């Protein structure tokens, strides 16, 4: 993947443009972490990038970012720029394209995300990112309070990086989060959920959850009962969401919502019980049981040994019941069928 990116850079420099891999990919490369997200920054304008690469699209002219596909790999290529006059603690009101890398780095969020790589694979470090990485510390580029006031998503990103990288927040960042935390209310619920999912999915999630609690961001984010998920053995973020009481404005896909609700219900059940296993299935009961400290292997064995796993396996039909009882269709059919199902599951029939 890096080879493809370097070839793309060479193609741009061959046409006299400046171009560098920037941000998270370079940071992770230095840390020895595999990453599939490559951002490129350049002095080429979006129009010039589109003229250079046929397989490209321009999602937003004002943002100055072009998506380019090379050998199945997606690259986000962004023009050097300065940003001013932020609106709603999120988006810059003015974007001005520039020709120099250094001032483009100054508008970025954290020092660790300012590392660049040129087309020869050389690391460029103007702001001391390598030193911060070596120390395991997260500092903002410039005044922390200003950075969080401009874009409050950076507050959640700071906690996310501290979580997944197991880094510490600088004293200035800690103080700035305390002073500006109320601004996260202005974020869309979609962006809030995206960052929280990354925190919740991290093996180091307890660190991020504790930071959210320490800063009282659970209140600003409308995450209730967040302290209850500390120390839980979870398989994914959806397990955590199933325990929390959250604002209904958080966006969940239909499948996510169904899974979240089922795990929430299964938390109140005996996950070794045949009816619970049959009703909610192996995955849901395993998630609920794991969070309650049950042996997932035991749950799996109990599920495998159920007499039936679906109603299609019950060898009786509504027509047969009506014939045996000599009755017309009615609610009694469901009652009888449910009773038959239960008796089979408990090995009494």
C-alpha atoms as a PDB file:
ATOM      1  CA  UNK A   1       0.000   0.000   0.000  1.00  0.00           C
ATOM      2  CA  UNK A   2       2.839   2.382   0.840  1.00  0.00           C
ATOM      3  CA  UNK A   3       4.490   1.527  -2.483  1.00  0.00           C
ATOM      4  CA  UNK A   4       1.327   2.570  -4.340  1.00  0.00           C
ATOM      5  CA  UNK A   5       1.202   5.829  -2.366  1.00  0.00           C
ATOM      6  CA  UNK A   6       4.851   6.646  -3.097  1.00  0.00           C
ATOM      7  CA  UNK A   7       4.300   6.021  -6.815  1.00  0.00           C
ATOM      8  CA  UNK A   8       1.326   8.379  -6.693  1.00  0.00           C
ATOM      9  CA  UNK A   9       3.529  11.040  -5.051  1.00  0.00           C
ATOM     10  CA  UNK A  10       6.183  10.575  -7.719  1.00  0.00           C
ATOM     11  CA  UNK A  11       3.561  10.997 -10.408  1.00  0.00           C
ATOM     12  CA  UNK A  12       2.567  14.323  -8.850  1.00  0.00           C
ATOM     13  CA  UNK A  13       6.138  15.576  -8.315  1.00  0.00           C
ATOM     14  CA  UNK A  14       6.947  14.596 -11.908  1.00  0.00           C
ATOM     15  CA  UNK A  15       4.371  17.225 -12.906  1.00  0.00           C
ATOM     16  CA  UNK A  16       6.151  19.802 -10.693  1.00  0.00           C
ATOM     17  CA  UNK A  17       3.696  19.610  -7.788  1.00  0.00           C
ATOM     18  CA  UNK A  18       4.671  19.288  -4.128  1.00  0.00           C
ATOM     19  CA  UNK A  19       3.035  16.249  -2.546  1.00  0.00           C
ATOM     20  CA  UNK A  20       3.412  14.383   0.755  1.00  0.00           C
ATOM     21  CA  UNK A  21       1.732  11.630   2.743  1.00  0.00           C
ATOM     22  CA  UNK A  22       0.573  13.322   5.919  1.00  0.00           C
ATOM     23  CA  UNK A  23      -0.986  12.567   9.284  1.00  0.00           C
ATOM     24  CA  UNK A  24      -2.146   9.300  10.770  1.00  0.00           C
ATOM     25  CA  UNK A  25      -0.588   6.927   8.249  1.00  0.00           C
ATOM     26  CA  UNK A  26       2.899   8.375   8.777  1.00  0.00           C
ATOM     27  CA  UNK A  27       2.395   8.429  12.555  1.00  0.00           C
ATOM     28  CA  UNK A  28       1.332   4.774  12.547  1.00  0.00           C
ATOM     29  CA  UNK A  29       4.178   3.865  10.189  1.00  0.00           C
ATOM     30  CA  UNK A  30       6.662   5.284  12.702  1.00  0.00           C
ATOM     31  CA  UNK A  31       4.916   3.382  15.523  1.00  0.00           C
ATOM     32  CA  UNK A  32       4.903   0.138  13.546  1.00  0.00           C
ATOM     33  CA  UNK A  33       1.105   0.071  13.352  1.00  0.00           C
ATOM     34  CA  UNK A  34      -0.581  -1.166  10.175  1.00  0.00           C
ATOM     35  CA  UNK A  35      -2.860   1.467   8.658  1.00  0.00           C
ATOM     36  CA  UNK A  36      -5.048   1.506   5.552  1.00  0.00           C
ATOM     37  CA  UNK A  37      -5.978   5.189   5.579  1.00  0.00           C
ATOM     38  CA  UNK A  38      -3.593   7.356   3.538  1.00  0.00           C
ATOM     39  CA  UNK A  39      -4.037  11.123   3.297  1.00  0.00           C
ATOM     40  CA  UNK A  40      -1.969  13.150   0.862  1.00  0.00           C
ATOM     41  CA  UNK A  41      -1.413  16.896   0.962  1.00  0.00           C
ATOM     42  CA  UNK A  42      -0.268  18.921  -2.032  1.00  0.00           C
ATOM     43  CA  UNK A  43      -0.033  22.399  -3.515  1.00  0.00           C
ATOM     44  CA  UNK A  44      -2.040  21.203  -6.535  1.00  0.00           C
ATOM     45  CA  UNK A  45      -5.576  22.572  -6.598  1.00  0.00           C
ATOM     46  CA  UNK A  46      -8.570  20.219  -6.779  1.00  0.00           C
ATOM     47  CA  UNK A  47      -9.015  21.085 -10.454  1.00  0.00           C
ATOM     48  CA  UNK A  48      -5.364  20.262 -11.172  1.00  0.00           C
ATOM     49  CA  UNK A  49      -5.609  16.986  -9.254  1.00  0.00           C
ATOM     50  CA  UNK A  50      -8.659  15.958 -11.289  1.00  0.00           C
ATOM     51  CA  UNK A  51      -6.835  16.776 -14.514  1.00  0.00           C
ATOM     52  CA  UNK A  52      -3.897  14.658 -13.369  1.00  0.00           C
ATOM     53  CA  UNK A  53      -5.903  11.595 -12.296  1.00  0.00           C
ATOM     54  CA  UNK A  54      -8.792  10.333 -14.399  1.00  0.00           C
ATOM     55  CA  UNK A  55     -10.102   8.011 -11.700  1.00  0.00           C
ATOM     56  CA  UNK A  56     -10.929  10.755  -9.207  1.00  0.00           C
ATOM     57  CA  UNK A  57     -13.943  12.519  -7.763  1.00  0.00           C
ATOM     58  CA  UNK A  58     -14.456  15.822  -6.040  1.00  0.00           C
ATOM     59  CA  UNK A  59     -16.911  15.452  -3.137  1.00  0.00           C
ATOM     60  CA  UNK A  60     -16.723  19.099  -2.114  1.00  0.00           C
ATOM     61  CA  UNK A  61     -14.947  21.891  -4.014  1.00  0.00           C
ATOM     62  CA  UNK A  62     -14.882  24.204  -1.006  1.00  0.00           C
ATOM     63  CA  UNK A  63     -13.160  21.625   1.172  1.00  0.00           C
ATOM     64  CA  UNK A  64     -10.292  21.203  -1.278  1.00  0.00           C
ATOM     65  CA  UNK A  65     -10.206  17.396  -1.083  1.00  0.00           C
ATOM     66  CA  UNK A  66     -10.189  14.964  -4.005  1.00  0.00           C
ATOM     67  CA  UNK A  67     -10.632  11.199  -3.779  1.00  0.00           C
ATOM     68  CA  UNK A  68      -8.300   9.246  -6.066  1.00  0.00           C
ATOM     69  CA  UNK A  69      -8.396   5.478  -6.590  1.00  0.00           C
ATOM     70  CA  UNK A  70      -5.128   3.733  -7.502  1.00  0.00           C
ATOM     71  CA  UNK A  71      -5.009  -0.055  -7.866  1.00  0.00           C
ATOM     72  CA  UNK A  72      -8.016  -0.411  -5.604  1.00  0.00           C
ATOM     73  CA  UNK A  73      -6.609   1.871  -2.898  1.00  0.00           C
ATOM     74  CA  UNK A  74      -8.434   5.081  -1.968  1.00  0.00           C
ATOM     75  CA  UNK A  75      -6.407   8.231  -1.364  1.00  0.00           C
ATOM     76  CA  UNK A  76      -7.753  11.513  -0.014  1.00  0.00           C
ATOM     77  CA  UNK A  77      -5.704  14.292  -1.583  1.00  0.00           C
ATOM     78  CA  UNK A  78      -6.086  17.715   0.014  1.00  0.00           C
ATOM     79  CA  UNK A  79      -4.708  21.040  -1.173  1.00  0.00           C
ATOM     80  CA  UNK A  80      -2.416  23.000   1.188  1.00  0.00           C
ATOM     81  CA  UNK A  81      -4.620  25.565   2.882  1.00  0.00           C
ATOM     82  CA  UNK A  82      -5.241  27.936   5.751  1.00  0.00           C
ATOM     83  CA  UNK A  83      -8.544  27.926   7.607  1.00  0.00           C
ATOM     84  CA  UNK A  84     -10.189  30.862   9.348  1.00  0.00           C
ATOM     85  CA  UNK A  85     -13.423  32.041  10.960  1.00  0.00           C
ATOM     86  CA  UNK A  86     -14.708  28.707  12.273  1.00  0.00           C
ATOM     87  CA  UNK A  87     -18.494  28.383  12.566  1.00  0.00           C
ATOM     88  CA  UNK A  88     -20.492  26.399  15.145  1.00  0.00           C
ATOM     89  CA  UNK A  89     -17.266  25.163  16.767  1.00  0.00           C
ATOM     90  CA  UNK A  90     -16.782  22.830  13.813  1.00  0.00           C
ATOM     91  CA  UNK A  91     -16.259  24.137  10.261  1.00  0.00           C
ATOM     92  CA  UNK A  92     -13.990  26.871   8.903  1.00  0.00           C
ATOM     93  CA  UNK A  93     -15.890  29.724   7.304  1.00  0.00           C
ATOM     94  CA  UNK A  94     -12.939  30.666   5.103  1.00  0.00           C
ATOM     95  CA  UNK A  95     -10.544  28.288   3.321  1.00  0.00           C
ATOM     96  CA  UNK A  96      -7.631  29.729   1.397  1.00  0.00           C
ATOM     97  CA  UNK A  97      -5.383  27.565  -0.772  1.00  0.00           C
ATOM     98  CA  UNK A  98      -1.657  28.150  -0.286  1.00  0.00           C
ATOM     99  CA  UNK A  99       1.593  26.886  -1.827  1.00  0.00           C
ATOM    100  CA  UNK A 100       3.575  25.974   1.307  1.00  0.00           C
ATOM    101  CA  UNK A 101       3.456  22.827   3.473  1.00  0.00           C
ATOM    102  CA  UNK A 102       4.481  24.415   6.784  1.00  0.00           C
ATOM    103  CA  UNK A 103       1.469  26.738   7.308  1.00  0.00           C
ATOM    104  CA  UNK A 104      -0.792  23.876   6.212  1.00  0.00           C
ATOM    105  CA  UNK A 105       0.572  21.802   9.106  1.00  0.00           C
ATOM    106  CA  UNK A 106      -0.115  24.641  11.539  1.00  0.00           C
ATOM    107  CA  UNK A 107      -3.872  24.384  10.993  1.00  0.00           C
ATOM    108  CA  UNK A 108      -3.910  20.666  11.936  1.00  0.00           C
ATOM    109  CA  UNK A 109      -5.094  19.307  15.285  1.00  0.00           C
ATOM    110  CA  UNK A 110      -2.305  17.456  17.118  1.00  0.00           C
ATOM    111  CA  UNK A 111       1.454  17.529  16.760  1.00  0.00           C
ATOM    112  CA  UNK A 112       1.637  13.727  16.399  1.00  0.00           C
ATOM    113  CA  UNK A 113      -0.488  14.076  13.245  1.00  0.00           C
ATOM    114  CA  UNK A 114       1.866  16.512  11.492  1.00  0.00           C
ATOM    115  CA  UNK A 115       4.486  13.997  10.329  1.00  0.00           C
ATOM    116  CA  UNK A 116       4.896  13.882   6.544  1.00  0.00           C
ATOM    117  CA  UNK A 117       6.596  11.542   4.085  1.00  0.00           C
ATOM    118  CA  UNK A 118       7.974  12.557   0.686  1.00  0.00           C
ATOM    119  CA  UNK A 119       8.045  10.486  -2.510  1.00  0.00           C
ATOM    120  CA  UNK A 120      11.345   8.876  -1.464  1.00  0.00           C
ATOM    121  CA  UNK A 121       9.950   7.682   1.865  1.00  0.00           C
ATOM    122  CA  UNK A 122      11.799  10.321   3.889  1.00  0.00           C
ATOM    123  CA  UNK A 123      10.080  11.505   7.087  1.00  0.00           C
ATOM    124  CA  UNK A 124       9.551  15.259   7.432  1.00  0.00           C
ATOM    125  CA  UNK A 125       8.996  16.581  10.947  1.00  0.00           C
ATOM    126  CA  UNK A 126       8.643  20.372  11.235  1.00  0.00           C
ATOM    127  CA  UNK A 127       6.836  20.533  14.589  1.00  0.00           C
ATOM    128  CA  UNK A 128       8.470  17.932  16.832  1.00  0.00           C
ATOM    129  CA  UNK A 129       5.995  15.105  16.229  1.00  0.00           C
ATOM    130  CA  UNK A 130       8.650  12.424  16.604  1.00  0.00           C
ATOM    131  CA  UNK A 131       9.546  13.717  20.061  1.00  0.00           C
ATOM    132  CA  UNK A 132       5.900  13.654  21.151  1.00  0.00           C
ATOM    133  CA  UNK A 133       5.536  10.112  19.803  1.00  0.00           C
ATOM    134  CA  UNK A 134       8.651   9.030  21.711  1.00  0.00           C
ATOM    135  CA  UNK A 135       7.230  10.595  24.888  1.00  0.00           C
ATOM    136  CA  UNK A 136       3.741   9.208  24.261  1.00  0.00           C
ATOM    137  CA  UNK A 137       2.074  12.600  24.683  1.00  0.00           C
ATOM    138  CA  UNK A 138      -0.705  14.403  22.831  1.00  0.00           C
ATOM    139  CA  UNK A 139      -0.319  18.150  22.319  1.00  0.00           C
ATOM    140  CA  UNK A 140      -2.263  20.449  20.042  1.00  0.00           C
ATOM    141  CA  UNK A 141      -0.629  22.416  17.254  1.00  0.00           C
ATOM    142  CA  UNK A 142      -0.732  25.835  18.891  1.00  0.00           C
ATOM    143  CA  UNK A 143      -3.029  26.948  21.706  1.00  0.00           C
ATOM    144  CA  UNK A 144      -5.204  24.054  22.865  1.00  0.00           C
ATOM    145  CA  UNK A 145      -8.175  26.163  23.913  1.00  0.00           C
ATOM    146  CA  UNK A 146      -8.278  27.859  20.518  1.00  0.00           C
ATOM    147  CA  UNK A 147      -8.049  24.522  18.726  1.00  0.00           C
ATOM    148  CA  UNK A 148     -10.963  23.027  20.685  1.00  0.00           C
ATOM    149  CA  UNK A 149     -13.028  26.200  20.368  1.00  0.00           C
ATOM    150  CA  UNK A 150     -12.523  26.193  16.594  1.00  0.00           C
ATOM    151  CA  UNK A 151     -13.475  22.534  16.213  1.00  0.00           C
ATOM    152  CA  UNK A 152     -14.907  20.682  19.203  1.00  0.00           C
ATOM    153  CA  UNK A 153     -14.564  17.317  17.450  1.00  0.00           C
ATOM    154  CA  UNK A 154     -10.870  17.620  18.343  1.00  0.00           C
ATOM    155  CA  UNK A 155     -11.840  17.035  21.994  1.00  0.00           C
ATOM    156  CA  UNK A 156     -13.131  13.555  21.176  1.00  0.00           C
ATOM    157  CA  UNK A 157     -10.232  12.937  18.804  1.00  0.00           C
ATOM    158  CA  UNK A 158      -7.781  13.751  21.615  1.00  0.00           C
ATOM    159  CA  UNK A 159      -9.424  11.123  23.819  1.00  0.00           C
ATOM    160  CA  UNK A 160      -9.573   8.669  20.941  1.00  0.00           C
ATOM    161  CA  UNK A 161      -5.828   8.995  20.221  1.00  0.00           C
ATOM    162  CA  UNK A 162      -5.006   8.733  23.930  1.00  0.00           C
ATOM    163  CA  UNK A 163      -7.052   5.529  23.982  1.00  0.00           C
ATOM    164  CA  UNK A 164      -5.905   3.688  20.874  1.00  0.00           C
ATOM    165  CA  UNK A 165      -2.250   4.764  21.144  1.00  0.00           C
ATOM    166  CA  UNK A 166      -2.163   4.573  24.951  1.00  0.00           C
ATOM    167  CA  UNK A 167      -0.690   8.102  25.050  1.00  0.00           C
ATOM    168  CA  UNK A 168      -1.160  10.745  27.721  1.00  0.00           C
ATOM    169  CA  UNK A 169      -2.819  14.129  27.253  1.00  0.00           C
ATOM    170  CA  UNK A 170      -0.616  17.158  27.921  1.00  0.00           C
ATOM    171  CA  UNK A 171      -1.534  19.407  30.855  1.00  0.00           C
ATOM    172  CA  UNK A 172      -2.536  22.152  28.424  1.00  0.00           C
ATOM    173  CA  UNK A 173      -4.862  19.770  26.558  1.00  0.00           C
ATOM    174  CA  UNK A 174      -6.409  18.553  29.824  1.00  0.00           C
ATOM    175  CA  UNK A 175      -7.105  22.100  30.978  1.00  0.00           C
ATOM    176  CA  UNK A 176      -8.474  23.124  27.570  1.00  0.00           C
ATOM    177  CA  UNK A 177     -10.889  20.175  27.454  1.00  0.00           C
ATOM    178  CA  UNK A 178     -12.234  21.176  30.864  1.00  0.00           C
ATOM    179  CA  UNK A 179     -12.779  24.726  29.624  1.00  0.00           C
ATOM    180  CA  UNK A 180     -14.372  23.869  26.266  1.00  0.00           C
ATOM    181  CA  UNK A 181     -16.137  20.529  26.809  1.00  0.00           C
ATOM    182  CA  UNK A 182     -19.590  22.112  26.467  1.00  0.00           C
ATOM    183  CA  UNK A 183     -18.906  22.699  22.760  1.00  0.00           C
ATOM    184  CA  UNK A 184     -19.223  18.984  21.957  1.00  0.00           C
ATOM    185  CA  UNK A 185     -22.988  19.529  22.209  1.00  0.00           C
ATOM    186  CA  UNK A 186     -22.742  21.351  18.885  1.00  0.00           C
ATOM    187  CA  UNK A 187     -21.403  18.265  17.103  1.00  0.00           C
ATOM    188  CA  UNK A 188     -23.699  16.131  14.971  1.00  0.00           C
ATOM    189  CA  UNK A 189     -24.711  12.861  16.605  1.00  0.00           C
ATOM    190  CA  UNK A 190     -23.230  11.056  13.617  1.00  0.00           C
ATOM    191  CA  UNK A 191     -19.754  12.488  14.251  1.00  0.00           C
ATOM    192  CA  UNK A 192     -20.053  11.866  17.984  1.00  0.00           C
ATOM    193  CA  UNK A 193     -20.985   8.240  17.395  1.00  0.00           C
ATOM    194  CA  UNK A 194     -18.119   7.738  14.921  1.00  0.00           C
ATOM    195  CA  UNK A 195     -15.542   8.846  17.486  1.00  0.00           C
ATOM    196  CA  UNK A 196     -17.185   6.963  20.352  1.00  0.00           C
ATOM    197  CA  UNK A 197     -17.291   3.763  18.277  1.00  0.00           C
ATOM    198  CA  UNK A 198     -13.534   4.011  17.750  1.00  0.00           C
ATOM    199  CA  UNK A 199     -12.995   4.463  21.486  1.00  0.00           C
ATOM    200  CA  UNK A 200     -15.394   1.640  22.408  1.00  0.00           C
ATOM    201  CA  UNK A 201     -13.841  -0.743  19.861  1.00  0.00           C
ATOM    202  CA  UNK A 202     -10.322  -0.229  21.167  1.00  0.00           C
ATOM    203  CA  UNK A 203      -8.778  -2.986  23.343  1.00  0.00           C
ATOM    204  CA  UNK A 204      -7.742  -0.062  25.558  1.00  0.00           C
ATOM    205  CA  UNK A 205     -11.335   1.220  25.757  1.00  0.00           C
ATOM    206  CA  UNK A 206     -11.389   1.505  29.555  1.00  0.00           C
ATOM    207  CA  UNK A 207      -8.810   4.283  29.377  1.00  0.00           C
ATOM    208  CA  UNK A 208     -10.980   6.288  26.981  1.00  0.00           C
ATOM    209  CA  UNK A 209     -14.150   5.624  28.960  1.00  0.00           C
ATOM    210  CA  UNK A 210     -12.420   6.764  32.147  1.00  0.00           C
ATOM    211  CA  UNK A 211     -11.269   9.958  30.418  1.00  0.00           C
ATOM    212  CA  UNK A 212     -14.830  10.654  29.262  1.00  0.00           C
ATOM    213  CA  UNK A 213     -15.990  10.207  32.854  1.00  0.00           C
ATOM    214  CA  UNK A 214     -13.151  12.274  34.343  1.00  0.00           C
ATOM    215  CA  UNK A 215     -14.000  15.206  32.076  1.00  0.00           C
ATOM    216  CA  UNK A 216     -17.749  14.638  32.647  1.00  0.00           C
ATOM    217  CA  UNK A 217     -18.146  14.386  28.882  1.00  0.00           C
ATOM    218  CA  UNK A 218     -20.718  11.632  29.404  1.00  0.00           C
ATOM    219  CA  UNK A 219     -23.137  14.383  30.432  1.00  0.00           C
ATOM    220  CA  UNK A 220     -22.346  16.564  27.415  1.00  0.00           C
ATOM    221  CA  UNK A 221     -22.627  13.543  25.104  1.00  0.00           C
ATOM    222  CA  UNK A 222     -25.870  12.263  26.679  1.00  0.00           C
ATOM    223  CA  UNK A 223     -24.278   8.924  27.575  1.00  0.00           C
ATOM    224  CA  UNK A 224     -25.941   7.701  30.738  1.00  0.00           C
ATOM    225  CA  UNK A 225     -24.651   4.795  32.853  1.00  0.00           C
ATOM    226  CA  UNK A 226     -21.223   5.086  31.217  1.00  0.00           C
ATOM    227  CA  UNK A 227     -19.558   4.056  34.472  1.00  0.00           C
ATOM    228  CA  UNK A 228     -21.341   0.680  34.219  1.00  0.00           C
ATOM    229  CA  UNK A 229     -19.336  -0.360  31.159  1.00  0.00           C
ATOM    230  CA  UNK A 230     -15.922   0.030  32.803  1.00  0.00           C
ATOM    231  CA  UNK A 231     -14.168  -3.321  32.993  1.00  0.00           C
ATOM    232  CA  UNK A 232     -16.770  -5.198  30.967  1.00  0.00           C
ATOM    233  CA  UNK A 233     -15.551  -7.954  28.653  1.00  0.00           C
ATOM    234  CA  UNK A 234     -17.071  -6.862  25.343  1.00  0.00           C
ATOM    235  CA  UNK A 235     -16.737  -8.053  21.751  1.00  0.00           C
ATOM    236  CA  UNK A 236     -17.498  -4.741  20.028  1.00  0.00           C
ATOM    237  CA  UNK A 237     -18.866  -1.247  20.538  1.00  0.00           C
ATOM    238  CA  UNK A 238     -22.451  -2.435  20.083  1.00  0.00           C
ATOM    239  CA  UNK A 239     -22.141  -4.342  23.381  1.00  0.00           C
ATOM    240  CA  UNK A 240     -21.349  -1.082  25.152  1.00  0.00           C
ATOM    241  CA  UNK A 241     -24.152   0.809  23.411  1.00  0.00           C
ATOM    242  CA  UNK A 242     -26.575  -1.928  24.557  1.00  0.00           C
ATOM    243  CA  UNK A 243     -25.730  -1.220  28.213  1.00  0.00           C
ATOM    244  CA  UNK A 244     -25.896   2.572  27.947  1.00  0.00           C
ATOM    245  CA  UNK A 245     -28.956   4.776  28.087  1.00  0.00           C
ATOM    246  CA  UNK A 246     -28.348   7.299  25.313  1.00  0.00           C
ATOM    247  CA  UNK A 247     -30.111  10.066  23.467  1.00  0.00           C
ATOM    248  CA  UNK A 248     -32.458   8.683  20.766  1.00  0.00           C
ATOM    249  CA  UNK A 249     -30.778  11.114  18.363  1.00  0.00           C
ATOM    250  CA  UNK A 250     -27.736   8.852  18.057  1.00  0.00           C
ATOM    251  CA  UNK A 251     -27.945   7.232  14.604  1.00  0.00           C
ATOM    252  CA  UNK A 252     -27.928   3.448  14.461  1.00  0.00           C
ATOM    253  CA  UNK A 253     -28.436   1.333  11.371  1.00  0.00           C
ATOM    254  CA  UNK A 254     -31.491  -0.906  11.552  1.00  0.00           C
ATOM    255  CA  UNK A 255     -29.334  -4.001  12.132  1.00  0.00           C
ATOM    256  CA  UNK A 256     -27.303  -2.188  14.822  1.00  0.00           C
ATOM    257  CA  UNK A 257     -30.441  -1.050  16.601  1.00  0.00           C
ATOM    258  CA  UNK A 258     -31.954  -4.543  16.572  1.00  0.00           C
ATOM    259  CA  UNK A 259     -28.732  -6.083  17.883  1.00  0.00           C
ATOM    260  CA  UNK A 260     -28.324  -3.387  20.550  1.00  0.00           C
ATOM    261  CA  UNK A 261     -31.889  -3.858  21.777  1.00  0.00           C
ATOM    262  CA  UNK A 262     -31.626  -7.659  21.816  1.00  0.00           C
ATOM    263  CA  UNK A 263     -28.387  -7.633  23.804  1.00  0.00           C
ATOM    264  CA  UNK A 264     -29.980  -5.164  26.232  1.00  0.00           C
ATOM    265  CA  UNK A 265     -32.926  -7.571  26.756  1.00  0.00           C
ATOM    266  CA  UNK A 266     -30.641 -10.595  27.041  1.00  0.00           C
ATOM    267  CA  UNK A 267     -28.667  -8.886  29.801  1.00  0.00           C
ATOM    268  CA  UNK A 268     -31.677  -9.394  32.087  1.00  0.00           C
ATOM    269  CA  UNK A 269     -32.016 -13.101  31.234  1.00  0.00           C
ATOM    270  CA  UNK A 270     -30.271 -16.313  32.208  1.00  0.00           C
ATOM    271  CA  UNK A 271     -28.080 -16.772  29.131  1.00  0.00           C
ATOM    272  CA  UNK A 272     -27.833 -20.513  29.750  1.00  0.00           C
ATOM    273  CA  UNK A 273     -31.610 -20.897  29.712  1.00  0.00           C
ATOM    274  CA  UNK A 274     -32.922 -22.803  26.651  1.00  0.00           C
ATOM    275  CA  UNK A 275     -35.690 -20.267  25.923  1.00  0.00           C
ATOM    276  CA  UNK A 276     -33.273 -17.331  26.103  1.00  0.00           C
ATOM    277  CA  UNK A 277     -30.789 -19.156  23.863  1.00  0.00           C
ATOM    278  CA  UNK A 278     -33.489 -20.044  21.341  1.00  0.00           C
ATOM    279  CA  UNK A 279     -35.112 -16.591  21.333  1.00  0.00           C
ATOM    280  CA  UNK A 280     -31.991 -14.428  20.987  1.00  0.00           C
ATOM    281  CA  UNK A 281     -29.466 -16.812  19.481  1.00  0.00           C
ATOM    282  CA  UNK A 282     -25.852 -17.623  20.237  1.00  0.00           C
ATOM    283  CA  UNK A 283     -24.215 -14.282  19.413  1.00  0.00           C
ATOM    284  CA  UNK A 284     -26.549 -12.103  21.479  1.00  0.00           C
ATOM    285  CA  UNK A 285     -26.417 -14.436  24.485  1.00  0.00           C
ATOM    286  CA  UNK A 286     -22.640 -14.710  24.201  1.00  0.00           C
ATOM    287  CA  UNK A 287     -22.304 -10.911  24.218  1.00  0.00           C
ATOM    288  CA  UNK A 288     -24.631 -10.543  27.196  1.00  0.00           C
ATOM    289  CA  UNK A 289     -23.090 -13.484  29.041  1.00  0.00           C
ATOM    290  CA  UNK A 290     -19.513 -12.299  28.456  1.00  0.00           C
ATOM    291  CA  UNK A 291     -20.339  -8.907  29.966  1.00  0.00           C
ATOM    292  CA  UNK A 292     -21.804 -10.682  33.006  1.00  0.00           C
ATOM    293  CA  UNK A 293     -18.710 -12.831  33.419  1.00  0.00           C
ATOM    294  CA  UNK A 294     -20.251 -16.095  32.202  1.00  0.00           C
ATOM    295  CA  UNK A 295     -18.242 -18.761  30.390  1.00  0.00           C
ATOM    296  CA  UNK A 296     -18.936 -18.231  26.674  1.00  0.00           C
ATOM    297  CA  UNK A 297     -17.816 -21.789  25.938  1.00  0.00           C
ATOM    298  CA  UNK A 298     -20.567 -23.061  28.235  1.00  0.00           C
ATOM    299  CA  UNK A 299     -23.136 -20.828  26.518  1.00  0.00           C
ATOM    300  CA  UNK A 300     -22.008 -22.147  23.126  1.00  0.00           C
ATOM    301  CA  UNK A 301     -22.312 -25.782  24.221  1.00  0.00           C
ATOM    302  CA  UNK A 302     -25.787 -25.164  25.644  1.00  0.00           C
ATOM    303  CA  UNK A 303     -26.860 -23.517  22.392  1.00  0.00           C
ATOM    304  CA  UNK A 304     -25.459 -26.298  20.192  1.00  0.00           C
ATOM    305  CA  UNK A 305     -27.271 -28.907  22.302  1.00  0.00           C
ATOM    306  CA  UNK A 306     -30.689 -27.265  22.055  1.00  0.00           C
ATOM    307  CA  UNK A 307     -33.289 -29.732  20.686  1.00  0.00           C
ATOM    308  CA  UNK A 308     -34.271 -27.162  18.048  1.00  0.00           C
ATOM    309  CA  UNK A 309     -32.842 -23.867  16.758  1.00  0.00           C
ATOM    310  CA  UNK A 310     -35.773 -22.603  14.668  1.00  0.00           C
ATOM    311  CA  UNK A 311     -39.533 -23.078  14.484  1.00  0.00           C
ATOM    312  CA  UNK A 312     -39.135 -24.826  11.140  1.00  0.00           C
ATOM    313  CA  UNK A 313     -37.767 -27.808  13.097  1.00  0.00           C
ATOM    314  CA  UNK A 314     -41.024 -28.244  15.039  1.00  0.00           C
ATOM    315  CA  UNK A 315     -42.811 -31.155  13.378  1.00  0.00           C
ATOM    316  CA  UNK A 316     -46.376 -29.919  13.683  1.00  0.00           C
ATOM    317  CA  UNK A 317     -48.420 -27.395  11.687  1.00  0.00           C
ATOM    318  CA  UNK A 318     -51.357 -25.107  12.414  1.00  0.00           C
ATOM    319  CA  UNK A 319     -53.477 -27.256  10.111  1.00  0.00           C
ATOM    320  CA  UNK A 320     -52.687 -30.357  12.156  1.00  0.00           C
ATOM    321  CA  UNK A 321     -53.607 -28.617  15.416  1.00  0.00           C
ATOM    322  CA  UNK A 322     -56.931 -27.393  13.969  1.00  0.00           C
ATOM    323  CA  UNK A 323     -57.722 -30.894  12.672  1.00  0.00           C
ATOM    324  CA  UNK A 324     -56.884 -32.569  15.980  1.00  0.00           C
ATOM    325  CA  UNK A 325     -59.023 -30.101  17.932  1.00  0.00           C
ATOM    326  CA  UNK A 326     -61.668 -29.764  15.217  1.00  0.00           C
ATOM    327  CA  UNK A 327     -61.589 -25.966  15.583  1.00  0.00           C
ATOM    328  CA  UNK A 328     -61.432 -22.960  13.276  1.00  0.00           C
ATOM    329  CA  UNK A 329     -58.327 -20.689  13.221  1.00  0.00           C
ATOM    330  CA  UNK A 330     -57.909 -18.418  16.241  1.00  0.00           C
ATOM    331  CA  UNK A 331     -55.500 -16.964  18.811  1.00  0.00           C
ATOM    332  CA  UNK A 332     -55.391 -20.346  20.548  1.00  0.00           C
ATOM    333  CA  UNK A 333     -53.120 -21.614  17.734  1.00  0.00           C
ATOM    334  CA  UNK A 334     -50.263 -19.310  18.735  1.00  0.00           C
ATOM    335  CA  UNK A 335     -50.708 -20.179  22.409  1.00  0.00           C
ATOM    336  CA  UNK A 336     -50.552 -23.891  21.684  1.00  0.00           C
ATOM    337  CA  UNK A 337     -47.618 -23.531  19.303  1.00  0.00           C
ATOM    338  CA  UNK A 338     -45.663 -21.466  21.862  1.00  0.00           C
ATOM    339  CA  UNK A 339     -46.412 -24.070  24.517  1.00  0.00           C
ATOM    340  CA  UNK A 340     -45.229 -26.893  22.221  1.00  0.00           C
ATOM    341  CA  UNK A 341     -42.067 -24.926  21.478  1.00  0.00           C
ATOM    342  CA  UNK A 342     -41.344 -24.386  25.151  1.00  0.00           C
ATOM    343  CA  UNK A 343     -41.939 -28.043  26.038  1.00  0.00           C
ATOM    344  CA  UNK A 344     -39.531 -29.159  23.291  1.00  0.00           C
ATOM    345  CA  UNK A 345     -36.842 -26.691  24.404  1.00  0.00           C
ATOM    346  CA  UNK A 346     -37.043 -27.948  27.967  1.00  0.00           C
ATOM    347  CA  UNK A 347     -36.907 -31.554  26.731  1.00  0.00           C
ATOM    348  CA  UNK A 348     -40.340 -32.421  28.064  1.00  0.00           C
ATOM    349  CA  UNK A 349     -41.817 -33.161  24.634  1.00  0.00           C
END
